[in-house]
Amino acid sequence: MTGLLLILNLIAIGLLIDRGIFFDDFVGQWQLCAYALRGIDPYPLIGVETPAIAELGAIPSGWGTAPWGLLLGNFFYAGFLRLDAAESLFIVLNLMWLLLTAFLFFLKSRELSTLIMFLCPASFAIAMFTGNAGAIICAMLLTCVLIAEQLPIPAAVLLSLAMVKPQIALAFCILFLFQRRFKLLMTAATIDLASWLIVSIVVERSPVVLLQEFLQANVGGGAQFSGVFTLFIDSPNSAMLASMILGAAFIHALRSVDATCLASAFWSYSFFNEFFVLTLPAMSCFRLKKKLLGIALHVGIVFWTAVAFWHRRQLELGLIENDGVIAELFRLEDWLEVRTIFCLLFIAAGFFLHQSPPSPSSPSLSSKS
């Protein structure tokens, strides 16, 4: 098992290195934060070729964050630093939080499989080296569910920071709502709303205008946001709404952290670099002695990532044609069908875990944390 995890993770990371796509996701987010800190509303600048401030550069199309993320996003993207220094800080923060999360889960489970899961995270490495905050946000959410009962205020701070990517964090908000952790939710909401208000004051735009600008900005999206109903509903917005309703019902039915992690992977926008959160249900599978399902959850997305990177590289080198079954299944530009298959598997895995009793020899990580 350990050898398989290592091999598949190293292949995925190696293919990332071969493609040389380092910090492609970082610059645009850093620019959004940097412009906001300098009192300039960044939303109208997205996709504009001429930069408002030369040393910050032009914000490319396809990048964006919620209004509160223009302030809280500085925790990840450090718009107050030069770009090279911000990138270095980003790597340090990622590695520190990965180690912290691994340590906390090891203290909780006392199982070697915990360390194996956290020491072989291709999704985490891919996110870190492409400059995407998805993985560290997933690690924050895992930390949040571990400390929610004993330390609700620190947990709320983590949840508020994770709301920089609400497509992941909202699933955990729903879990906490069903668990009646109102203090945690209200504290996190207060932090996000206060950050939104501070941004509106700094850039001299009303909060409503900022939200409208964000929703109208050229930040990509479309069908990639529509979750498990991608293939069944033509309208991306309707598909996303249906997927999120299904995800909320899934969380309500199972009432577990594992189900919440799985729901965050199928109910809305998500890429493989944000599947680090699936380490928790994978660990639960190992605890329940269901090693095959645990391996499938942990390395399934890594396997697809590795094949996708390999196929994309072959296309770039002109070694294969962009047609055939493999192209349809694994090319990164048209991956919605494969993701939908994974979504359905995640749903099935959630119900399987719900029916499996926890091992009496180890504490449950799926129960109310």
Protein backbone atom coordinates (compact mmCIF):
# COMPACT_ATOMS: atom_id res chain seq x y z
CA MET A 1 0.00 0.00 0.00
CA THR A 2 2.71 2.45 1.00
CA GLY A 3 4.67 1.70 -2.16
CA LEU A 4 1.60 2.27 -4.36
CA LEU A 5 0.88 5.59 -2.66
CA LEU A 6 4.47 6.74 -3.09
CA ILE A 7 4.72 5.70 -6.73
CA LEU A 8 1.48 7.31 -7.86
CA ASN A 9 2.12 10.52 -5.94
CA LEU A 10 5.67 10.83 -7.24
CA ILE A 11 4.50 10.23 -10.82
CA ALA A 12 1.92 13.02 -10.52
CA ILE A 13 4.43 15.42 -8.95
CA GLY A 14 7.10 14.48 -11.49
CA LEU A 15 4.77 15.20 -14.39
CA LEU A 16 3.96 18.56 -12.84
CA ILE A 17 7.69 19.36 -12.65
CA ASP A 18 8.17 18.22 -16.26
CA ARG A 19 5.48 20.62 -17.44
CA GLY A 20 7.08 23.51 -15.59
CA ILE A 21 3.81 25.22 -14.57
CA PHE A 22 5.06 26.72 -11.34
CA PHE A 23 2.99 29.42 -9.63
CA ASP A 24 0.68 29.87 -12.63
CA ASP A 25 -2.27 30.23 -10.21
CA PHE A 26 -0.48 32.54 -7.80
CA VAL A 27 0.21 35.75 -9.68
CA GLY A 28 -3.40 36.70 -10.43
CA GLN A 29 -4.51 36.20 -6.82
CA TRP A 30 -1.50 38.10 -5.51
CA GLN A 31 -2.36 40.98 -7.86
CA LEU A 32 -5.98 41.10 -6.65
CA CYS A 33 -4.83 41.39 -3.04
CA ALA A 34 -2.04 43.83 -3.84
CA TYR A 35 -4.31 46.21 -5.77
CA ALA A 36 -6.95 46.14 -3.00
CA LEU A 37 -4.34 46.92 -0.32
CA ARG A 38 -3.33 49.96 -2.38
CA GLY A 39 -6.88 51.27 -2.41
CA ILE A 40 -7.73 50.23 -5.97
CA ASP A 41 -10.81 48.16 -6.79
CA PRO A 42 -9.31 45.19 -8.69
CA TYR A 43 -12.48 43.73 -10.23
CA PRO A 44 -12.74 46.21 -13.16
CA LEU A 45 -9.06 45.49 -13.91
CA ILE A 46 -9.51 41.74 -14.49
CA GLY A 47 -8.64 40.97 -18.11
CA VAL A 48 -7.52 44.55 -18.88
CA GLU A 49 -4.20 44.48 -20.72
CA THR A 50 -2.85 47.81 -19.41
CA PRO A 51 -1.96 47.60 -15.69
CA ALA A 52 -3.15 50.31 -13.34
CA ILE A 53 0.16 50.03 -11.46
CA ALA A 54 3.10 48.96 -13.60
CA GLU A 55 5.00 47.08 -10.89
CA LEU A 56 1.91 45.00 -10.06
CA GLY A 57 1.11 44.13 -13.66
CA ALA A 58 -2.16 43.38 -15.44
CA ILE A 59 -4.60 40.95 -13.81
CA PRO A 60 -5.27 38.12 -16.28
CA SER A 61 -8.74 36.92 -17.19
CA GLY A 62 -10.05 33.98 -15.20
CA TRP A 63 -8.83 35.15 -11.78
CA GLY A 64 -11.05 36.39 -9.01
CA THR A 65 -11.98 36.05 -5.37
CA ALA A 66 -14.95 37.00 -3.20
CA PRO A 67 -14.85 40.54 -1.74
CA TRP A 68 -13.76 39.37 1.73
CA GLY A 69 -11.00 37.41 0.02
CA LEU A 70 -9.36 40.65 -1.12
CA LEU A 71 -8.36 41.12 2.53
CA LEU A 72 -8.27 37.60 4.00
CA GLY A 73 -6.57 36.29 0.86
CA ASN A 74 -3.44 38.13 1.96
CA PHE A 75 -2.90 35.31 4.47
CA PHE A 76 -2.19 33.06 1.49
CA TYR A 77 -1.06 35.42 -1.26
CA ALA A 78 0.63 38.21 0.75
CA GLY A 79 -0.20 41.15 -1.48
CA PHE A 80 1.77 43.36 0.93
CA LEU A 81 5.05 41.71 -0.19
CA ARG A 82 6.96 41.63 -3.45
CA LEU A 83 5.88 38.77 -5.70
CA ASP A 84 9.02 36.66 -5.14
CA ALA A 85 8.83 37.07 -1.36
CA ALA A 86 5.10 36.28 -1.37
CA GLU A 87 5.76 33.05 -3.30
CA SER A 88 8.42 31.98 -0.80
CA LEU A 89 6.11 32.71 2.13
CA PHE A 90 3.34 30.71 0.43
CA ILE A 91 5.53 27.59 0.25
CA VAL A 92 6.60 27.95 3.89
CA LEU A 93 2.99 28.34 5.05
CA ASN A 94 1.89 25.32 3.05
CA LEU A 95 4.61 23.07 4.44
CA MET A 96 4.03 24.27 8.01
CA TRP A 97 0.30 23.67 7.81
CA LEU A 98 0.73 20.27 6.22
CA LEU A 99 3.00 19.20 9.09
CA LEU A 100 0.66 20.70 11.68
CA THR A 101 -2.39 18.93 10.26
CA ALA A 102 -0.52 15.62 10.01
CA PHE A 103 0.62 15.94 13.63
CA LEU A 104 -2.89 16.74 14.90
CA PHE A 105 -4.41 13.78 13.08
CA PHE A 106 -1.68 11.46 14.30
CA LEU A 107 -2.41 12.55 17.89
CA LYS A 108 -6.10 11.84 17.23
CA SER A 109 -5.73 8.45 15.56
CA ARG A 110 -2.34 7.12 16.73
CA GLU A 111 -2.17 5.25 13.42
CA LEU A 112 0.75 5.05 11.01
CA SER A 113 -1.65 5.27 8.06
CA THR A 114 -2.31 8.87 9.09
CA LEU A 115 1.29 9.84 8.47
CA ILE A 116 1.37 7.91 5.22
CA MET A 117 -1.66 9.84 3.96
CA PHE A 118 -0.13 13.18 4.83
CA LEU A 119 3.38 12.37 3.63
CA CYS A 120 2.19 11.37 0.15
CA PRO A 121 -0.10 14.21 -0.90
CA ALA A 122 0.30 14.77 -4.63
CA SER A 123 -2.74 17.06 -4.58
CA PHE A 124 -1.13 19.17 -1.86
CA ALA A 125 2.20 19.39 -3.69
CA ILE A 126 0.51 20.27 -6.99
CA ALA A 127 -1.48 23.04 -5.32
CA MET A 128 1.59 24.38 -3.52
CA PHE A 129 3.85 24.51 -6.56
CA THR A 130 1.19 25.97 -8.84
CA GLY A 131 0.47 28.63 -6.22
CA ASN A 132 -3.12 27.55 -5.56
CA ALA A 133 -4.42 27.90 -2.01
CA GLY A 134 -6.86 25.02 -2.38
CA ALA A 135 -4.76 22.46 -0.52
CA ILE A 136 -3.80 24.60 2.46
CA ILE A 137 -7.45 25.63 2.77
CA CYS A 138 -8.43 21.95 2.82
CA ALA A 139 -5.82 21.38 5.55
CA MET A 140 -7.28 24.30 7.52
CA LEU A 141 -10.75 22.79 7.27
CA LEU A 142 -9.46 19.43 8.50
CA THR A 143 -7.81 21.22 11.42
CA CYS A 144 -11.03 23.14 12.02
CA VAL A 145 -13.14 20.00 12.46
CA LEU A 146 -10.55 18.56 14.85
CA ILE A 147 -10.55 21.55 17.20
CA ALA A 148 -14.15 22.78 16.76
CA GLU A 149 -15.38 21.41 20.08
CA GLN A 150 -12.42 22.35 22.30
CA LEU A 151 -11.38 25.59 20.56
CA PRO A 152 -14.40 27.09 18.76
CA ILE A 153 -12.89 30.58 18.30
CA PRO A 154 -9.64 29.43 16.61
CA ALA A 155 -11.78 27.02 14.57
CA ALA A 156 -13.96 29.96 13.49
CA VAL A 157 -10.88 31.91 12.38
CA LEU A 158 -9.79 28.96 10.25
CA LEU A 159 -13.28 28.66 8.77
CA SER A 160 -13.36 32.37 7.93
CA LEU A 161 -10.02 32.09 6.13
CA ALA A 162 -11.20 28.97 4.30
CA MET A 163 -14.17 30.98 2.99
CA VAL A 164 -11.71 32.56 0.56
CA LYS A 165 -12.71 29.44 -1.38
CA PRO A 166 -16.40 29.09 -0.42
CA GLN A 167 -16.90 26.26 -2.90
CA ILE A 168 -14.97 24.07 -0.44
CA ALA A 169 -15.73 25.70 2.91
CA LEU A 170 -19.51 26.02 2.57
CA ALA A 171 -19.92 22.27 2.96
CA PHE A 172 -18.34 22.53 6.41
CA CYS A 173 -20.56 25.49 7.28
CA ILE A 174 -23.57 23.26 6.59
CA LEU A 175 -22.13 20.51 8.79
CA PHE A 176 -21.59 22.96 11.66
CA LEU A 177 -25.12 24.28 11.15
CA PHE A 178 -26.56 20.78 11.51
CA GLN A 179 -24.34 20.27 14.57
CA ARG A 180 -25.69 23.55 16.05
CA ARG A 181 -22.26 25.11 16.41
CA PHE A 182 -23.75 28.57 16.14
CA LYS A 183 -20.96 30.35 18.04
CA LEU A 184 -18.39 29.04 15.59
CA LEU A 185 -20.48 29.98 12.56
CA MET A 186 -21.38 33.45 13.83
CA THR A 187 -17.76 34.22 14.67
CA ALA A 188 -16.57 33.12 11.23
CA ALA A 189 -19.36 35.09 9.53
CA THR A 190 -18.49 38.20 11.55
CA ILE A 191 -14.84 37.98 10.47
CA ASP A 192 -15.77 37.59 6.79
CA LEU A 193 -18.37 40.38 6.87
CA ALA A 194 -15.96 42.71 8.68
CA SER A 195 -13.27 41.95 6.09
CA TRP A 196 -15.75 42.68 3.30
CA LEU A 197 -16.62 46.02 4.94
CA ILE A 198 -12.95 46.95 5.42
CA VAL A 199 -12.25 46.25 1.74
CA SER A 200 -15.20 48.40 0.70
CA ILE A 201 -13.85 51.29 2.78
CA VAL A 202 -10.29 50.92 1.48
CA VAL A 203 -11.26 50.78 -2.23
CA GLU A 204 -14.16 53.25 -1.77
CA ARG A 205 -16.88 50.97 -3.12
CA SER A 206 -20.03 49.87 -1.35
CA PRO A 207 -20.16 46.19 -0.30
CA VAL A 208 -23.07 45.60 -2.68
CA VAL A 209 -21.17 47.09 -5.62
CA LEU A 210 -18.14 44.93 -4.82
CA LEU A 211 -20.28 41.81 -4.82
CA GLN A 212 -21.91 42.79 -8.11
CA GLU A 213 -18.53 43.45 -9.67
CA PHE A 214 -17.23 40.09 -8.48
CA LEU A 215 -20.22 38.23 -9.90
CA GLN A 216 -19.90 40.05 -13.22
CA ALA A 217 -16.10 39.82 -13.50
CA ASN A 218 -14.42 37.64 -16.09
CA VAL A 219 -13.27 34.92 -13.69
CA GLY A 220 -13.96 31.85 -15.81
CA GLY A 221 -16.34 29.27 -14.44
CA GLY A 222 -19.20 27.97 -16.53
CA ALA A 223 -19.71 24.24 -16.53
CA GLN A 224 -16.71 23.57 -14.28
CA PHE A 225 -18.73 24.99 -11.37
CA SER A 226 -21.76 22.76 -11.85
CA GLY A 227 -20.73 19.71 -9.84
CA VAL A 228 -22.23 16.27 -10.17
CA PHE A 229 -25.06 17.45 -12.44
CA THR A 230 -22.61 18.68 -15.10
CA LEU A 231 -23.74 16.10 -17.65
CA PHE A 232 -27.46 16.20 -16.93
CA ILE A 233 -28.44 19.89 -16.82
CA ASP A 234 -27.48 22.30 -19.61
CA SER A 235 -27.54 25.48 -17.51
CA PRO A 236 -24.35 25.68 -15.38
CA ASN A 237 -26.09 27.75 -12.69
CA SER A 238 -29.02 25.34 -12.43
CA ALA A 239 -26.65 22.37 -12.39
CA MET A 240 -24.58 23.93 -9.62
CA LEU A 241 -27.69 24.70 -7.56
CA ALA A 242 -28.95 21.13 -7.95
CA SER A 243 -25.52 19.75 -7.03
CA MET A 244 -25.32 21.90 -3.90
CA ILE A 245 -28.83 20.88 -2.82
CA LEU A 246 -27.81 17.24 -3.24
CA GLY A 247 -24.62 17.90 -1.29
CA ALA A 248 -26.50 19.54 1.58
CA ALA A 249 -28.96 16.63 1.70
CA PHE A 250 -26.01 14.21 1.66
CA ILE A 251 -24.40 15.98 4.63
CA HIS A 252 -27.72 16.12 6.49
CA ALA A 253 -28.39 12.43 5.91
CA LEU A 254 -24.98 11.20 7.08
CA ARG A 255 -24.08 13.95 9.61
CA SER A 256 -20.36 13.14 9.50
CA VAL A 257 -17.15 14.96 8.69
CA ASP A 258 -16.32 12.26 6.15
CA ALA A 259 -19.56 12.95 4.28
CA THR A 260 -18.79 16.67 4.35
CA CYS A 261 -15.35 16.11 2.82
CA LEU A 262 -16.89 13.97 0.09
CA ALA A 263 -19.67 16.49 -0.55
CA SER A 264 -17.14 19.31 -0.99
CA ALA A 265 -15.62 17.24 -3.79
CA PHE A 266 -18.79 16.82 -5.84
CA TRP A 267 -21.21 19.63 -5.13
CA SER A 268 -19.56 22.55 -6.90
CA TYR A 269 -16.33 23.75 -8.44
CA SER A 270 -13.33 21.62 -7.53
CA PHE A 271 -10.04 20.57 -9.10
CA PHE A 272 -7.65 17.80 -8.15
CA ASN A 273 -5.52 20.26 -6.17
CA GLU A 274 -8.47 20.74 -3.80
CA PHE A 275 -9.02 17.04 -3.14
CA PHE A 276 -6.55 16.99 -0.26
CA VAL A 277 -9.59 17.11 2.01
CA LEU A 278 -10.34 13.52 0.93
CA THR A 279 -7.46 12.27 3.09
CA LEU A 280 -9.92 12.18 6.01
CA PRO A 281 -12.49 9.76 4.53
CA ALA A 282 -9.60 7.72 3.12
CA MET A 283 -8.15 7.45 6.64
CA SER A 284 -11.56 6.38 7.92
CA CYS A 285 -11.57 3.55 5.38
CA PHE A 286 -8.23 2.30 6.70
CA ARG A 287 -9.51 2.53 10.27
CA LEU A 288 -12.51 0.44 9.27
CA LYS A 289 -10.16 -2.14 7.70
CA LYS A 290 -11.50 -1.27 4.22
CA LYS A 291 -8.08 -0.70 2.72
CA LEU A 292 -9.16 -1.08 -0.91
CA LEU A 293 -11.70 1.74 -0.64
CA GLY A 294 -9.18 3.87 1.25
CA ILE A 295 -6.59 3.41 -1.48
CA ALA A 296 -9.19 4.13 -4.15
CA LEU A 297 -10.24 7.39 -2.50
CA HIS A 298 -6.71 8.57 -1.87
CA VAL A 299 -4.98 7.60 -5.10
CA GLY A 300 -7.88 7.55 -7.57
CA ILE A 301 -7.72 11.27 -8.17
CA VAL A 302 -3.89 11.12 -8.08
CA PHE A 303 -3.93 8.44 -10.78
CA TRP A 304 -6.21 10.53 -12.96
CA THR A 305 -4.04 13.59 -12.32
CA ALA A 306 -0.92 11.71 -13.36
CA VAL A 307 -2.51 10.40 -16.55
CA ALA A 308 -3.92 13.86 -17.32
CA PHE A 309 -0.54 15.51 -16.89
CA TRP A 310 1.14 12.81 -18.97
CA HIS A 311 -1.42 13.11 -21.75
CA ARG A 312 -1.22 16.92 -21.77
CA ARG A 313 2.57 16.70 -22.03
CA GLN A 314 2.38 14.27 -24.95
CA LEU A 315 0.07 16.71 -26.74
CA GLU A 316 2.49 19.59 -26.12
CA LEU A 317 5.36 17.56 -27.55
CA GLY A 318 3.27 16.51 -30.55
CA LEU A 319 3.78 12.82 -29.79
CA ILE A 320 0.08 11.91 -29.88
CA GLU A 321 -3.03 13.22 -31.58
CA ASN A 322 -5.80 14.96 -29.64
CA ASP A 323 -8.40 12.30 -30.34
CA GLY A 324 -9.40 8.82 -29.26
CA VAL A 325 -10.77 7.38 -26.03
CA ILE A 326 -7.85 8.45 -23.82
CA ALA A 327 -8.10 12.01 -25.09
CA GLU A 328 -11.79 12.13 -24.29
CA LEU A 329 -11.32 10.70 -20.80
CA PHE A 330 -8.13 12.31 -19.57
CA ARG A 331 -7.40 15.60 -21.30
CA LEU A 332 -7.51 18.50 -18.87
CA GLU A 333 -9.57 20.73 -21.15
CA ASP A 334 -12.55 18.36 -21.21
CA TRP A 335 -12.51 16.54 -17.89
CA LEU A 336 -16.08 16.97 -16.70
CA GLU A 337 -17.16 13.43 -17.56
CA VAL A 338 -14.35 11.89 -15.53
CA ARG A 339 -15.02 14.19 -12.60
CA THR A 340 -18.68 13.20 -12.64
CA ILE A 341 -17.69 9.54 -12.39
CA PHE A 342 -15.55 10.38 -9.36
CA CYS A 343 -18.45 12.34 -7.88
CA LEU A 344 -20.74 9.34 -8.05
CA LEU A 345 -18.06 7.15 -6.50
CA PHE A 346 -17.65 9.66 -3.66
CA ILE A 347 -21.39 9.52 -2.96
CA ALA A 348 -21.33 5.73 -2.89
CA ALA A 349 -18.28 5.78 -0.60
CA GLY A 350 -20.07 8.11 1.81
CA PHE A 351 -23.00 5.75 2.26
CA PHE A 352 -20.63 2.81 2.58
CA LEU A 353 -18.73 4.55 5.39
CA HIS A 354 -22.00 5.50 7.07
CA GLN A 355 -23.03 1.84 7.24
CA SER A 356 -19.65 0.64 8.54
CA PRO A 357 -19.21 0.64 12.34
CA PRO A 358 -15.99 2.25 13.62
CA SER A 359 -13.21 0.07 14.89
CA PRO A 360 -13.47 -0.27 18.69
CA SER A 361 -9.68 0.06 18.99
CA SER A 362 -9.41 3.59 17.64
CA PRO A 363 -11.33 6.85 17.98
CA SER A 364 -13.74 7.93 15.25
CA LEU A 365 -12.68 10.79 13.03
CA SER A 366 -16.00 10.74 11.24
CA SER A 367 -18.14 11.59 14.21
CA LYS A 368 -18.92 15.01 15.62
CA SER A 369 -15.55 16.64 16.15
